[in-house]
Amino acid sequence: MNAATIGLLDDDPRMIQALHRLLASRGFQVRDFPSPEAFLLSYRSAELDCLVMDLAMPGTSGLEVQEHLRKAGARLPVVFLTGAGDIPASVRAMKGGASNFLTKPVDSSELINAIRLALIESAKSRAGESDLAGIRERFARLTTRETEVLRHVISGKLNKQIAHDLGICEQTVKIHRMRITEKTGLPSVAELVRAADRAGVQPAG
């Protein structure tokens, strides 16, 4: 497995140098960015897995960089560093999706642990998004009538009740349910209920 690439964004060259040495010694690939402007110009092509960023920088602040990433749809986990234990800023950073918020001088073990946790959480998030996309794609294969039957199935109705509600015969309901199973790969009602809930498919009233 390739080593994770960590971006370092800080206007203090000495801090960048010290953190670069630390992260490289722990097996990470490291990309340095001396200013928010330099980062915003090249982060899309940098292929970063995590960003360690100073909060207070001249010009564009770390919070503004975070907001830019959010608006751009970037799912880059961020670990903030600050020299001024600014509680309101830390709350805003966490609400904005930051993985962690550490004060300078940061303990090396604490930083490494924060980065590793951010990478784990990011990987879980990506896996969950991929899984949800797969579920939605399978549901998209259903016809309009099959989707109607699905909504009744996940509401807990029996075939006879579904047939009555939709004005079709019970055998037709069974055929639709068989096709739903084939197209979604979800043979049990419990699996259909869980998948439909994740995909936003509402049960019939």
C-alpha atoms as a PDB file:
ATOM      1  CA  MET A   1       0.000   0.000   0.000  1.00  0.00           C
ATOM      2  CA  ASN A   2       1.312   3.468  -0.913  1.00  0.00           C
ATOM      3  CA  ALA A   3       2.115   5.815   1.955  1.00  0.00           C
ATOM      4  CA  ALA A   4      -0.489   8.482   2.623  1.00  0.00           C
ATOM      5  CA  THR A   5       0.368  11.964   1.360  1.00  0.00           C
ATOM      6  CA  ILE A   6       0.018  14.705   3.959  1.00  0.00           C
ATOM      7  CA  GLY A   7      -0.164  18.371   3.050  1.00  0.00           C
ATOM      8  CA  LEU A   8       1.411  20.922   5.398  1.00  0.00           C
ATOM      9  CA  LEU A   9       0.060  24.466   5.224  1.00  0.00           C
ATOM     10  CA  ASP A  10       1.719  27.004   7.512  1.00  0.00           C
ATOM     11  CA  ASP A  11       3.204  30.447   6.973  1.00  0.00           C
ATOM     12  CA  ASP A  12       6.072  29.667   9.394  1.00  0.00           C
ATOM     13  CA  PRO A  13       8.921  27.977   7.450  1.00  0.00           C
ATOM     14  CA  ARG A  14      10.426  26.577  10.658  1.00  0.00           C
ATOM     15  CA  MET A  15       7.147  24.900  11.576  1.00  0.00           C
ATOM     16  CA  ILE A  16       6.837  23.441   8.079  1.00  0.00           C
ATOM     17  CA  GLN A  17      10.394  22.110   8.268  1.00  0.00           C
ATOM     18  CA  ALA A  18       9.908  20.522  11.691  1.00  0.00           C
ATOM     19  CA  LEU A  19       6.590  18.904  10.800  1.00  0.00           C
ATOM     20  CA  HIS A  20       7.935  17.704   7.452  1.00  0.00           C
ATOM     21  CA  ARG A  21      10.809  15.907   9.176  1.00  0.00           C
ATOM     22  CA  LEU A  22       8.451  14.374  11.734  1.00  0.00           C
ATOM     23  CA  LEU A  23       5.925  13.080   9.214  1.00  0.00           C
ATOM     24  CA  ALA A  24       8.572  11.812   6.789  1.00  0.00           C
ATOM     25  CA  SER A  25      10.225   9.914   9.648  1.00  0.00           C
ATOM     26  CA  ARG A  26       6.894   8.140  10.245  1.00  0.00           C
ATOM     27  CA  GLY A  27       6.637   6.979   6.660  1.00  0.00           C
ATOM     28  CA  PHE A  28       4.311   9.630   5.230  1.00  0.00           C
ATOM     29  CA  GLN A  29       4.742  11.374   1.903  1.00  0.00           C
ATOM     30  CA  VAL A  30       4.699  15.125   2.562  1.00  0.00           C
ATOM     31  CA  ARG A  31       3.788  18.164   0.437  1.00  0.00           C
ATOM     32  CA  ASP A  32       4.628  21.624   1.781  1.00  0.00           C
ATOM     33  CA  PHE A  33       2.547  24.745   1.124  1.00  0.00           C
ATOM     34  CA  PRO A  34       3.955  28.061   2.440  1.00  0.00           C
ATOM     35  CA  SER A  35       0.717  30.028   2.079  1.00  0.00           C
ATOM     36  CA  PRO A  36      -3.029  29.554   1.608  1.00  0.00           C
ATOM     37  CA  GLU A  37      -2.732  31.028  -1.873  1.00  0.00           C
ATOM     38  CA  ALA A  38      -0.088  28.475  -2.878  1.00  0.00           C
ATOM     39  CA  PHE A  39      -2.244  25.678  -1.518  1.00  0.00           C
ATOM     40  CA  LEU A  40      -5.443  26.776  -3.245  1.00  0.00           C
ATOM     41  CA  LEU A  41      -3.615  27.019  -6.578  1.00  0.00           C
ATOM     42  CA  SER A  42      -2.360  23.441  -6.501  1.00  0.00           C
ATOM     43  CA  TYR A  43      -4.304  21.289  -4.025  1.00  0.00           C
ATOM     44  CA  ARG A  44      -6.431  19.660  -6.742  1.00  0.00           C
ATOM     45  CA  SER A  45      -3.366  18.175  -8.425  1.00  0.00           C
ATOM     46  CA  ALA A  46      -1.508  17.419  -5.181  1.00  0.00           C
ATOM     47  CA  GLU A  47      -3.453  14.194  -4.484  1.00  0.00           C
ATOM     48  CA  LEU A  48      -3.428  14.740  -0.742  1.00  0.00           C
ATOM     49  CA  ASP A  49      -4.913  12.311   1.773  1.00  0.00           C
ATOM     50  CA  CYS A  50      -4.939  14.742   4.715  1.00  0.00           C
ATOM     51  CA  LEU A  51      -4.118  18.398   5.360  1.00  0.00           C
ATOM     52  CA  VAL A  52      -2.387  19.713   8.494  1.00  0.00           C
ATOM     53  CA  MET A  53      -3.070  23.429   8.513  1.00  0.00           C
ATOM     54  CA  ASP A  54      -2.345  26.456  10.663  1.00  0.00           C
ATOM     55  CA  LEU A  55      -5.435  28.342  11.766  1.00  0.00           C
ATOM     56  CA  ALA A  56      -4.135  31.926  11.818  1.00  0.00           C
ATOM     57  CA  MET A  57      -2.214  32.999   8.729  1.00  0.00           C
ATOM     58  CA  PRO A  58      -1.758  36.411   7.080  1.00  0.00           C
ATOM     59  CA  GLY A  59      -4.381  37.132   4.475  1.00  0.00           C
ATOM     60  CA  THR A  60      -6.489  34.021   4.015  1.00  0.00           C
ATOM     61  CA  SER A  61      -7.078  32.188   7.285  1.00  0.00           C
ATOM     62  CA  GLY A  62      -7.198  28.452   7.789  1.00  0.00           C
ATOM     63  CA  LEU A  63     -10.944  28.656   8.365  1.00  0.00           C
ATOM     64  CA  GLU A  64     -11.350  30.412   5.012  1.00  0.00           C
ATOM     65  CA  VAL A  65      -9.310  27.690   3.323  1.00  0.00           C
ATOM     66  CA  GLN A  66     -11.550  25.097   4.973  1.00  0.00           C
ATOM     67  CA  GLU A  67     -14.649  26.902   3.702  1.00  0.00           C
ATOM     68  CA  HIS A  68     -13.181  27.028   0.184  1.00  0.00           C
ATOM     69  CA  LEU A  69     -12.608  23.265   0.270  1.00  0.00           C
ATOM     70  CA  ARG A  70     -16.151  22.678   1.490  1.00  0.00           C
ATOM     71  CA  LYS A  71     -17.683  24.791  -1.277  1.00  0.00           C
ATOM     72  CA  ALA A  72     -15.492  23.051  -3.858  1.00  0.00           C
ATOM     73  CA  GLY A  73     -16.784  19.675  -2.682  1.00  0.00           C
ATOM     74  CA  ALA A  74     -13.324  18.495  -1.614  1.00  0.00           C
ATOM     75  CA  ARG A  75     -13.459  15.664   0.947  1.00  0.00           C
ATOM     76  CA  LEU A  76      -9.969  16.325   2.312  1.00  0.00           C
ATOM     77  CA  PRO A  77      -9.677  15.640   6.069  1.00  0.00           C
ATOM     78  CA  VAL A  78      -8.165  18.588   7.946  1.00  0.00           C
ATOM     79  CA  VAL A  79      -6.207  18.701  11.193  1.00  0.00           C
ATOM     80  CA  PHE A  80      -5.928  22.286  12.454  1.00  0.00           C
ATOM     81  CA  LEU A  81      -2.984  23.678  14.419  1.00  0.00           C
ATOM     82  CA  THR A  82      -3.063  26.952  16.309  1.00  0.00           C
ATOM     83  CA  GLY A  83      -0.855  28.795  18.744  1.00  0.00           C
ATOM     84  CA  ALA A  84      -3.749  30.558  20.422  1.00  0.00           C
ATOM     85  CA  GLY A  85      -6.241  28.149  22.043  1.00  0.00           C
ATOM     86  CA  ASP A  86      -9.151  29.952  20.408  1.00  0.00           C
ATOM     87  CA  ILE A  87     -12.234  28.017  21.525  1.00  0.00           C
ATOM     88  CA  PRO A  88     -14.778  29.762  19.244  1.00  0.00           C
ATOM     89  CA  ALA A  89     -12.503  29.159  16.269  1.00  0.00           C
ATOM     90  CA  SER A  90     -12.066  25.506  17.200  1.00  0.00           C
ATOM     91  CA  VAL A  91     -15.841  25.067  17.422  1.00  0.00           C
ATOM     92  CA  ARG A  92     -16.263  26.654  14.004  1.00  0.00           C
ATOM     93  CA  ALA A  93     -13.503  24.458  12.588  1.00  0.00           C
ATOM     94  CA  MET A  94     -15.090  21.272  13.916  1.00  0.00           C
ATOM     95  CA  LYS A  95     -18.536  22.286  12.678  1.00  0.00           C
ATOM     96  CA  GLY A  96     -16.922  22.853   9.299  1.00  0.00           C
ATOM     97  CA  GLY A  97     -15.824  19.232   9.249  1.00  0.00           C
ATOM     98  CA  ALA A  98     -12.299  19.395  10.686  1.00  0.00           C
ATOM     99  CA  SER A  99     -11.003  16.053  11.920  1.00  0.00           C
ATOM    100  CA  ASN A 100      -9.141  17.553  14.865  1.00  0.00           C
ATOM    101  CA  PHE A 101      -7.918  20.793  16.414  1.00  0.00           C
ATOM    102  CA  LEU A 102      -4.533  20.826  18.157  1.00  0.00           C
ATOM    103  CA  THR A 103      -2.667  23.657  19.875  1.00  0.00           C
ATOM    104  CA  LYS A 104       0.966  24.564  19.278  1.00  0.00           C
ATOM    105  CA  PRO A 105       3.475  23.441  20.323  1.00  0.00           C
ATOM    106  CA  VAL A 106       1.878  20.201  19.257  1.00  0.00           C
ATOM    107  CA  ASP A 107       2.946  16.892  20.784  1.00  0.00           C
ATOM    108  CA  SER A 108       4.376  14.687  18.031  1.00  0.00           C
ATOM    109  CA  SER A 109       2.502  11.558  19.136  1.00  0.00           C
ATOM    110  CA  GLU A 110      -0.738  13.502  19.414  1.00  0.00           C
ATOM    111  CA  LEU A 111      -0.327  14.853  15.884  1.00  0.00           C
ATOM    112  CA  ILE A 112       0.518  11.461  14.379  1.00  0.00           C
ATOM    113  CA  ASN A 113      -2.474   9.898  16.121  1.00  0.00           C
ATOM    114  CA  ALA A 114      -4.741  12.706  14.899  1.00  0.00           C
ATOM    115  CA  ILE A 115      -3.558  12.228  11.305  1.00  0.00           C
ATOM    116  CA  ARG A 116      -4.006   8.454  11.435  1.00  0.00           C
ATOM    117  CA  LEU A 117      -7.490   8.829  12.867  1.00  0.00           C
ATOM    118  CA  ALA A 118      -8.367  11.348  10.152  1.00  0.00           C
ATOM    119  CA  LEU A 119      -7.165   8.923   7.467  1.00  0.00           C
ATOM    120  CA  ILE A 120      -9.197   6.064   8.956  1.00  0.00           C
ATOM    121  CA  GLU A 121     -12.354   8.171   9.182  1.00  0.00           C
ATOM    122  CA  SER A 122     -11.859   9.436   5.628  1.00  0.00           C
ATOM    123  CA  ALA A 123     -11.451   5.896   4.289  1.00  0.00           C
ATOM    124  CA  LYS A 124     -14.626   4.778   6.078  1.00  0.00           C
ATOM    125  CA  SER A 125     -16.510   7.757   4.681  1.00  0.00           C
ATOM    126  CA  ARG A 126     -15.380   7.029   1.114  1.00  0.00           C
ATOM    127  CA  ALA A 127     -16.292   3.354   1.486  1.00  0.00           C
ATOM    128  CA  GLY A 128     -19.728   4.304   2.778  1.00  0.00           C
ATOM    129  CA  GLU A 129     -20.290   6.705  -0.112  1.00  0.00           C
ATOM    130  CA  SER A 130     -19.258   4.052  -2.623  1.00  0.00           C
ATOM    131  CA  ASP A 131     -21.585   1.518  -1.018  1.00  0.00           C
ATOM    132  CA  LEU A 132     -24.500   3.972  -1.057  1.00  0.00           C
ATOM    133  CA  ALA A 133     -23.861   4.797  -4.718  1.00  0.00           C
ATOM    134  CA  GLY A 134     -24.022   1.076  -5.482  1.00  0.00           C
ATOM    135  CA  ILE A 135     -27.343   0.724  -3.654  1.00  0.00           C
ATOM    136  CA  ARG A 136     -28.854   3.658  -5.508  1.00  0.00           C
ATOM    137  CA  GLU A 137     -27.627   2.290  -8.815  1.00  0.00           C
ATOM    138  CA  ARG A 138     -29.321  -1.060  -8.125  1.00  0.00           C
ATOM    139  CA  PHE A 139     -32.598   0.612  -7.150  1.00  0.00           C
ATOM    140  CA  ALA A 140     -32.411   2.708 -10.320  1.00  0.00           C
ATOM    141  CA  ARG A 141     -32.731  -0.538 -12.331  1.00  0.00           C
ATOM    142  CA  LEU A 142     -36.252  -1.060 -11.047  1.00  0.00           C
ATOM    143  CA  THR A 143     -39.255  -0.162 -13.178  1.00  0.00           C
ATOM    144  CA  THR A 144     -41.853   2.272 -11.877  1.00  0.00           C
ATOM    145  CA  ARG A 145     -44.156  -0.601 -10.904  1.00  0.00           C
ATOM    146  CA  GLU A 146     -41.326  -2.517  -9.222  1.00  0.00           C
ATOM    147  CA  THR A 147     -40.474   0.579  -7.202  1.00  0.00           C
ATOM    148  CA  GLU A 148     -44.120   0.846  -6.134  1.00  0.00           C
ATOM    149  CA  VAL A 149     -44.064  -2.774  -5.000  1.00  0.00           C
ATOM    150  CA  LEU A 150     -40.762  -2.162  -3.194  1.00  0.00           C
ATOM    151  CA  ARG A 151     -42.253   0.749  -1.257  1.00  0.00           C
ATOM    152  CA  HIS A 152     -45.113  -1.474  -0.116  1.00  0.00           C
ATOM    153  CA  VAL A 153     -42.767  -4.338   0.762  1.00  0.00           C
ATOM    154  CA  ILE A 154     -40.593  -2.149   3.005  1.00  0.00           C
ATOM    155  CA  SER A 155     -43.735  -0.844   4.735  1.00  0.00           C
ATOM    156  CA  GLY A 156     -44.279  -4.409   5.985  1.00  0.00           C
ATOM    157  CA  LYS A 157     -47.252  -5.371   3.840  1.00  0.00           C
ATOM    158  CA  LEU A 158     -48.004  -8.917   2.709  1.00  0.00           C
ATOM    159  CA  ASN A 159     -48.337  -9.856  -0.965  1.00  0.00           C
ATOM    160  CA  LYS A 160     -52.129 -10.015  -0.663  1.00  0.00           C
ATOM    161  CA  GLN A 161     -52.258  -6.489   0.803  1.00  0.00           C
ATOM    162  CA  ILE A 162     -49.900  -5.127  -1.859  1.00  0.00           C
ATOM    163  CA  ALA A 163     -52.021  -6.682  -4.599  1.00  0.00           C
ATOM    164  CA  HIS A 164     -55.149  -5.066  -3.169  1.00  0.00           C
ATOM    165  CA  ASP A 165     -53.519  -1.639  -2.791  1.00  0.00           C
ATOM    166  CA  LEU A 166     -52.094  -1.627  -6.332  1.00  0.00           C
ATOM    167  CA  GLY A 167     -55.073  -3.280  -8.008  1.00  0.00           C
ATOM    168  CA  ILE A 168     -53.080  -6.238  -9.346  1.00  0.00           C
ATOM    169  CA  CYS A 169     -53.183  -9.958  -8.697  1.00  0.00           C
ATOM    170  CA  GLU A 170     -51.083 -11.584  -6.009  1.00  0.00           C
ATOM    171  CA  GLN A 171     -49.112 -13.638  -8.541  1.00  0.00           C
ATOM    172  CA  THR A 172     -48.043 -10.412 -10.270  1.00  0.00           C
ATOM    173  CA  VAL A 173     -46.796  -9.073  -6.945  1.00  0.00           C
ATOM    174  CA  LYS A 174     -44.726 -12.242  -6.501  1.00  0.00           C
ATOM    175  CA  ILE A 175     -43.216 -11.775  -9.960  1.00  0.00           C
ATOM    176  CA  HIS A 176     -42.340  -8.147  -9.201  1.00  0.00           C
ATOM    177  CA  ARG A 177     -40.747  -9.165  -5.897  1.00  0.00           C
ATOM    178  CA  MET A 178     -38.677 -11.800  -7.675  1.00  0.00           C
ATOM    179  CA  ARG A 179     -37.421  -9.169 -10.115  1.00  0.00           C
ATOM    180  CA  ILE A 180     -36.677  -6.760  -7.279  1.00  0.00           C
ATOM    181  CA  THR A 181     -34.533  -9.445  -5.649  1.00  0.00           C
ATOM    182  CA  GLU A 182     -32.729 -10.177  -8.936  1.00  0.00           C
ATOM    183  CA  LYS A 183     -31.998  -6.517  -9.668  1.00  0.00           C
ATOM    184  CA  THR A 184     -30.983  -5.451  -6.170  1.00  0.00           C
ATOM    185  CA  GLY A 185     -29.328  -8.651  -4.952  1.00  0.00           C
ATOM    186  CA  LEU A 186     -31.177  -8.207  -1.656  1.00  0.00           C
ATOM    187  CA  PRO A 187     -33.231 -11.335  -0.941  1.00  0.00           C
ATOM    188  CA  SER A 188     -34.662 -10.508   2.487  1.00  0.00           C
ATOM    189  CA  VAL A 189     -37.139  -7.849   3.542  1.00  0.00           C
ATOM    190  CA  ALA A 190     -34.768  -6.723   6.305  1.00  0.00           C
ATOM    191  CA  GLU A 191     -31.991  -6.086   3.769  1.00  0.00           C
ATOM    192  CA  LEU A 192     -34.397  -4.194   1.515  1.00  0.00           C
ATOM    193  CA  VAL A 193     -35.590  -2.054   4.423  1.00  0.00           C
ATOM    194  CA  ARG A 194     -32.024  -1.116   5.441  1.00  0.00           C
ATOM    195  CA  ALA A 195     -30.918  -0.395   1.881  1.00  0.00           C
ATOM    196  CA  ALA A 196     -34.037   1.621   1.050  1.00  0.00           C
ATOM    197  CA  ASP A 197     -33.594   3.698   4.200  1.00  0.00           C
ATOM    198  CA  ARG A 198     -30.006   4.537   3.216  1.00  0.00           C
ATOM    199  CA  ALA A 199     -31.052   5.376  -0.345  1.00  0.00           C
ATOM    200  CA  GLY A 200     -33.962   7.549   0.762  1.00  0.00           C
ATOM    201  CA  VAL A 201     -36.699   5.306  -0.642  1.00  0.00           C
ATOM    202  CA  GLN A 202     -39.831   5.976   1.394  1.00  0.00           C
ATOM    203  CA  PRO A 203     -42.215   3.177   2.416  1.00  0.00           C
ATOM    204  CA  ALA A 204     -45.779   3.353   1.136  1.00  0.00           C
ATOM    205  CA  GLY A 205     -48.233   5.034   3.440  1.00  0.00           C
END
